[in-house]
Structures are given as C-alpha cells and as structure tokens.
Amino acid sequence: MAQSQTQRVFNVISGLWVGSYIAVGLLVVPILFSTLGDRQVAGMIAANLFKTTAYIGVALSGFLMVMANHLVRVGLNHFRIIRWILLGLLVCTLGSAFIIIPWMNAIREHALFAGIAVQDSIDAELFKRLHGISSILFVCQSVLGLLLVWRTTKNVD
C-alpha cells in the first residue's frame, strides 16, 4: 500500500473510531438515560456499549500503532507524536476495558443478585467513585482522540 493510501486509511479508521466513541458517550448514553424509565436498565445497556467500544478501542489502537510505526519507518516523522497519543489512548482504553468496566459490572451483578439496585447496595459509594474514574477516562480518551484526528489530518506539506 502506498504511503498516501496508508495515511488515508489511518485517517479514516481513526476518525470513525473517535467519532463513534464520542457519539456513544455524548449522544447514545444520555439518550438512553433520558428515554428509558428504568435507570438500572439504562445503566446495563450503557455498560455493554462502553464495554464493546473499549474492546474495539483496544484492537484499533493496537492496529493504528502498527500503522503509525510503519509510517514513521517510511519517513513520516510527524507520526512519532501520534504514536504517543495512541499509547495514551491504549492505556486509557485498557484501564477501562479490563479494570473499571469489569469492576463496575461485578458490583452491579452482585447488587442484582441480592435483588437491589446498585445505588441501594453496600458498594454504592465504590460504584460512584468508579463511575467518576470512568468519566475521567472517557474525557481523557475523547481529548486524546480529538488530538489524534487533528494531528493525523494536519497538512504537513
């Protein structure tokens, strides 16, 4: 694949990934909570959406990292900083996918098994803290994602 085609594929993949991630977090999830009457059901659906986007994010950030390494090897040095942005995205996504989301899901399942809502469980405070950390990670990922798209579409001529 030619260098310019590789860049275009990189731009398309990164743009779609970041756009879909932000759309889920800023559009889909708020609509779920405002539309569905049951916050617990909305939370379970939102958790599945975030888990899916996190797994996709792990795969895509790894794939884009390989592409960025290739582009640096062929002389596109502005992709050096892009690799660092991708690494930041990968760390945030791994933290979400394999630590925060499973931990929150375990608390939710434990509460459901006990027949109560998460906010009524003994782990309600921990769940709120994890939700806050998850929100911070989402903001970090969104900012890094926008920076990624901004940097990759920069005209370097």
C-alpha atoms as a PDB file:
ATOM      1  CA  MET A   1       0.000   0.000   0.000  1.00  0.00           C
ATOM      2  CA  ALA A   2       1.391   3.374  -0.977  1.00  0.00           C
ATOM      3  CA  GLN A   3       2.347   5.857   1.700  1.00  0.00           C
ATOM      4  CA  SER A   4      -0.514   8.274   0.943  1.00  0.00           C
ATOM      5  CA  GLN A   5      -3.041   5.429   0.863  1.00  0.00           C
ATOM      6  CA  THR A   6      -1.767   4.190   4.228  1.00  0.00           C
ATOM      7  CA  GLN A   7      -2.206   7.689   5.638  1.00  0.00           C
ATOM      8  CA  ARG A   8      -5.741   7.885   4.268  1.00  0.00           C
ATOM      9  CA  VAL A   9      -6.679   4.501   5.731  1.00  0.00           C
ATOM     10  CA  PHE A  10      -5.171   5.630   9.055  1.00  0.00           C
ATOM     11  CA  ASN A  11      -7.218   8.857   8.924  1.00  0.00           C
ATOM     12  CA  VAL A  12     -10.462   7.069   8.082  1.00  0.00           C
ATOM     13  CA  ILE A  13     -10.053   4.427  10.789  1.00  0.00           C
ATOM     14  CA  SER A  14      -9.025   6.911  13.462  1.00  0.00           C
ATOM     15  CA  GLY A  15     -11.814   9.330  12.512  1.00  0.00           C
ATOM     16  CA  LEU A  16     -14.501   6.660  12.570  1.00  0.00           C
ATOM     17  CA  TRP A  17     -13.209   5.219  15.837  1.00  0.00           C
ATOM     18  CA  VAL A  18     -13.007   8.541  17.674  1.00  0.00           C
ATOM     19  CA  GLY A  19     -16.304   9.746  16.226  1.00  0.00           C
ATOM     20  CA  SER A  20     -18.162   6.599  17.204  1.00  0.00           C
ATOM     21  CA  TYR A  21     -16.666   6.619  20.695  1.00  0.00           C
ATOM     22  CA  ILE A  22     -17.667  10.216  21.315  1.00  0.00           C
ATOM     23  CA  ALA A  23     -21.119   9.630  19.782  1.00  0.00           C
ATOM     24  CA  VAL A  24     -21.760   6.728  22.151  1.00  0.00           C
ATOM     25  CA  GLY A  25     -20.591   8.686  25.194  1.00  0.00           C
ATOM     26  CA  LEU A  26     -22.144  12.048  24.444  1.00  0.00           C
ATOM     27  CA  LEU A  27     -25.239  11.089  22.453  1.00  0.00           C
ATOM     28  CA  VAL A  28     -26.356   7.491  22.833  1.00  0.00           C
ATOM     29  CA  VAL A  29     -25.849   7.017  26.577  1.00  0.00           C
ATOM     30  CA  PRO A  30     -27.511  10.306  27.624  1.00  0.00           C
ATOM     31  CA  ILE A  31     -30.458   9.488  25.351  1.00  0.00           C
ATOM     32  CA  LEU A  32     -30.718   6.045  26.959  1.00  0.00           C
ATOM     33  CA  PHE A  33     -30.958   7.546  30.437  1.00  0.00           C
ATOM     34  CA  SER A  34     -33.436  10.225  29.395  1.00  0.00           C
ATOM     35  CA  THR A  35     -35.651   7.871  27.372  1.00  0.00           C
ATOM     36  CA  LEU A  36     -35.765   4.714  29.450  1.00  0.00           C
ATOM     37  CA  GLY A  37     -37.712   4.947  32.670  1.00  0.00           C
ATOM     38  CA  ASP A  38     -35.502   2.451  34.486  1.00  0.00           C
ATOM     39  CA  ARG A  39     -32.041   3.858  35.279  1.00  0.00           C
ATOM     40  CA  GLN A  40     -30.727   0.404  36.114  1.00  0.00           C
ATOM     41  CA  VAL A  41     -31.659  -0.957  32.667  1.00  0.00           C
ATOM     42  CA  ALA A  42     -30.175   2.141  31.017  1.00  0.00           C
ATOM     43  CA  GLY A  43     -27.008   1.626  33.053  1.00  0.00           C
ATOM     44  CA  MET A  44     -26.740  -2.005  31.999  1.00  0.00           C
ATOM     45  CA  ILE A  45     -27.164  -1.088  28.323  1.00  0.00           C
ATOM     46  CA  ALA A  46     -24.662   1.763  28.668  1.00  0.00           C
ATOM     47  CA  ALA A  47     -22.181  -0.609  30.336  1.00  0.00           C
ATOM     48  CA  ASN A  48     -22.472  -3.011  27.401  1.00  0.00           C
ATOM     49  CA  LEU A  49     -21.984  -0.175  24.929  1.00  0.00           C
ATOM     50  CA  PHE A  50     -18.892   1.081  26.751  1.00  0.00           C
ATOM     51  CA  LYS A  51     -17.508  -2.447  27.081  1.00  0.00           C
ATOM     52  CA  THR A  52     -17.933  -3.033  23.342  1.00  0.00           C
ATOM     53  CA  THR A  53     -16.378   0.307  22.423  1.00  0.00           C
ATOM     54  CA  ALA A  54     -13.496  -0.396  24.834  1.00  0.00           C
ATOM     55  CA  TYR A  55     -12.729  -3.764  23.215  1.00  0.00           C
ATOM     56  CA  ILE A  56     -12.916  -2.202  19.763  1.00  0.00           C
ATOM     57  CA  GLY A  57     -10.670   0.594  21.032  1.00  0.00           C
ATOM     58  CA  VAL A  58      -8.023  -1.847  22.242  1.00  0.00           C
ATOM     59  CA  ALA A  59      -7.953  -3.554  18.846  1.00  0.00           C
ATOM     60  CA  LEU A  60      -7.981  -0.342  16.817  1.00  0.00           C
ATOM     61  CA  SER A  61      -5.378   1.469  18.898  1.00  0.00           C
ATOM     62  CA  GLY A  62      -3.055  -1.535  18.513  1.00  0.00           C
ATOM     63  CA  PHE A  63      -3.702  -1.670  14.763  1.00  0.00           C
ATOM     64  CA  LEU A  64      -3.210   2.083  14.371  1.00  0.00           C
ATOM     65  CA  MET A  65       0.007   1.853  16.403  1.00  0.00           C
ATOM     66  CA  VAL A  66       1.357  -0.685  13.902  1.00  0.00           C
ATOM     67  CA  MET A  67       0.329   1.594  11.032  1.00  0.00           C
ATOM     68  CA  ALA A  68       1.928   4.637  12.719  1.00  0.00           C
ATOM     69  CA  ASN A  69       5.168   2.706  13.223  1.00  0.00           C
ATOM     70  CA  HIS A  70       5.154   1.836   9.522  1.00  0.00           C
ATOM     71  CA  LEU A  71       4.552   5.463   8.554  1.00  0.00           C
ATOM     72  CA  VAL A  72       7.439   6.600  10.773  1.00  0.00           C
ATOM     73  CA  ARG A  73       9.707   3.971   9.151  1.00  0.00           C
ATOM     74  CA  VAL A  74       8.872   5.315   5.674  1.00  0.00           C
ATOM     75  CA  GLY A  75       9.833   8.834   6.732  1.00  0.00           C
ATOM     76  CA  LEU A  76       6.664  10.499   8.037  1.00  0.00           C
ATOM     77  CA  ASN A  77       8.188  11.815  11.261  1.00  0.00           C
ATOM     78  CA  HIS A  78       5.054  13.683  12.377  1.00  0.00           C
ATOM     79  CA  PHE A  79       3.632  10.235  13.200  1.00  0.00           C
ATOM     80  CA  ARG A  80       6.146   9.959  16.066  1.00  0.00           C
ATOM     81  CA  ILE A  81       3.949  12.148  18.288  1.00  0.00           C
ATOM     82  CA  ILE A  82       0.872  10.320  17.018  1.00  0.00           C
ATOM     83  CA  ARG A  83       2.318   7.091  18.428  1.00  0.00           C
ATOM     84  CA  TRP A  84       2.424   8.721  21.872  1.00  0.00           C
ATOM     85  CA  ILE A  85      -1.184   9.838  21.524  1.00  0.00           C
ATOM     86  CA  LEU A  86      -2.128   6.285  20.537  1.00  0.00           C
ATOM     87  CA  LEU A  87      -0.236   4.925  23.528  1.00  0.00           C
ATOM     88  CA  GLY A  88      -2.207   7.244  25.813  1.00  0.00           C
ATOM     89  CA  LEU A  89      -5.439   6.094  24.188  1.00  0.00           C
ATOM     90  CA  LEU A  90      -4.396   2.465  24.564  1.00  0.00           C
ATOM     91  CA  VAL A  91      -3.571   2.880  28.281  1.00  0.00           C
ATOM     92  CA  CYS A  92      -6.905   4.613  28.964  1.00  0.00           C
ATOM     93  CA  THR A  93      -8.799   2.008  26.959  1.00  0.00           C
ATOM     94  CA  LEU A  94      -7.056  -0.917  28.663  1.00  0.00           C
ATOM     95  CA  GLY A  95      -7.821   0.609  32.059  1.00  0.00           C
ATOM     96  CA  SER A  96     -11.471   0.964  31.128  1.00  0.00           C
ATOM     97  CA  ALA A  97     -11.867  -2.382  29.377  1.00  0.00           C
ATOM     98  CA  PHE A  98     -10.057  -4.615  31.831  1.00  0.00           C
ATOM     99  CA  ILE A  99     -10.232  -2.843  35.200  1.00  0.00           C
ATOM    100  CA  ILE A 100     -13.001  -0.251  35.605  1.00  0.00           C
ATOM    101  CA  ILE A 101     -15.796  -1.773  33.486  1.00  0.00           C
ATOM    102  CA  PRO A 102     -15.432  -5.332  34.848  1.00  0.00           C
ATOM    103  CA  TRP A 103     -15.258  -3.993  38.413  1.00  0.00           C
ATOM    104  CA  MET A 104     -18.406  -1.915  37.931  1.00  0.00           C
ATOM    105  CA  ASN A 105     -20.157  -4.861  36.262  1.00  0.00           C
ATOM    106  CA  ALA A 106     -19.260  -7.110  39.194  1.00  0.00           C
ATOM    107  CA  ILE A 107     -20.729  -4.604  41.659  1.00  0.00           C
ATOM    108  CA  ARG A 108     -23.870  -4.296  39.520  1.00  0.00           C
ATOM    109  CA  GLU A 109     -24.276  -8.084  39.234  1.00  0.00           C
ATOM    110  CA  HIS A 110     -23.743  -8.514  42.971  1.00  0.00           C
ATOM    111  CA  ALA A 111     -26.480  -5.965  43.676  1.00  0.00           C
ATOM    112  CA  LEU A 112     -28.829  -7.583  41.141  1.00  0.00           C
ATOM    113  CA  PHE A 113     -28.173 -10.994  42.702  1.00  0.00           C
ATOM    114  CA  ALA A 114     -29.162  -9.510  46.063  1.00  0.00           C
ATOM    115  CA  GLY A 115     -32.318  -8.123  44.432  1.00  0.00           C
ATOM    116  CA  ILE A 116     -31.472  -4.458  44.954  1.00  0.00           C
ATOM    117  CA  ALA A 117     -30.371  -1.549  42.810  1.00  0.00           C
ATOM    118  CA  VAL A 118     -26.697  -0.597  42.794  1.00  0.00           C
ATOM    119  CA  GLN A 119     -27.417   2.727  44.497  1.00  0.00           C
ATOM    120  CA  ASP A 120     -29.013   0.815  47.395  1.00  0.00           C
ATOM    121  CA  SER A 121     -26.167  -1.672  47.815  1.00  0.00           C
ATOM    122  CA  ILE A 122     -23.294  -1.524  50.294  1.00  0.00           C
ATOM    123  CA  ASP A 123     -20.965  -0.884  47.341  1.00  0.00           C
ATOM    124  CA  ALA A 124     -22.877   2.184  46.152  1.00  0.00           C
ATOM    125  CA  GLU A 125     -20.103   4.597  47.177  1.00  0.00           C
ATOM    126  CA  LEU A 126     -17.410   2.500  45.477  1.00  0.00           C
ATOM    127  CA  PHE A 127     -19.574   2.298  42.352  1.00  0.00           C
ATOM    128  CA  LYS A 128     -19.907   6.101  42.329  1.00  0.00           C
ATOM    129  CA  ARG A 129     -16.124   6.504  42.629  1.00  0.00           C
ATOM    130  CA  LEU A 130     -15.524   4.013  39.822  1.00  0.00           C
ATOM    131  CA  HIS A 131     -18.101   5.834  37.718  1.00  0.00           C
ATOM    132  CA  GLY A 132     -16.197   9.071  38.347  1.00  0.00           C
ATOM    133  CA  ILE A 133     -12.908   7.455  37.316  1.00  0.00           C
ATOM    134  CA  SER A 134     -14.627   6.034  34.251  1.00  0.00           C
ATOM    135  CA  SER A 135     -15.901   9.513  33.357  1.00  0.00           C
ATOM    136  CA  ILE A 136     -12.412  10.978  33.728  1.00  0.00           C
ATOM    137  CA  LEU A 137     -11.012   8.244  31.478  1.00  0.00           C
ATOM    138  CA  PHE A 138     -13.747   8.990  28.924  1.00  0.00           C
ATOM    139  CA  VAL A 139     -12.820  12.679  28.890  1.00  0.00           C
ATOM    140  CA  CYS A 140      -9.111  11.808  28.547  1.00  0.00           C
ATOM    141  CA  GLN A 141      -9.882   9.415  25.695  1.00  0.00           C
ATOM    142  CA  SER A 142     -12.075  11.994  23.989  1.00  0.00           C
ATOM    143  CA  VAL A 143      -9.416  14.699  24.200  1.00  0.00           C
ATOM    144  CA  LEU A 144      -6.671  12.321  23.055  1.00  0.00           C
ATOM    145  CA  GLY A 145      -8.934  11.043  20.267  1.00  0.00           C
ATOM    146  CA  LEU A 146      -9.674  14.540  19.017  1.00  0.00           C
ATOM    147  CA  LEU A 147      -5.970  15.351  19.214  1.00  0.00           C
ATOM    148  CA  LEU A 148      -5.242  12.182  17.237  1.00  0.00           C
ATOM    149  CA  VAL A 149      -7.649  13.122  14.467  1.00  0.00           C
ATOM    150  CA  TRP A 150      -6.410  16.727  14.484  1.00  0.00           C
ATOM    151  CA  ARG A 151      -2.761  15.650  14.192  1.00  0.00           C
ATOM    152  CA  THR A 152      -3.340  12.969  11.560  1.00  0.00           C
ATOM    153  CA  THR A 153      -5.302  15.263   9.269  1.00  0.00           C
ATOM    154  CA  LYS A 154      -2.758  18.079   9.600  1.00  0.00           C
ATOM    155  CA  ASN A 155      -1.361  19.190   6.268  1.00  0.00           C
ATOM    156  CA  VAL A 156       2.386  18.580   6.540  1.00  0.00           C
ATOM    157  CA  ASP A 157       3.293  19.968   3.103  1.00  0.00           C
END
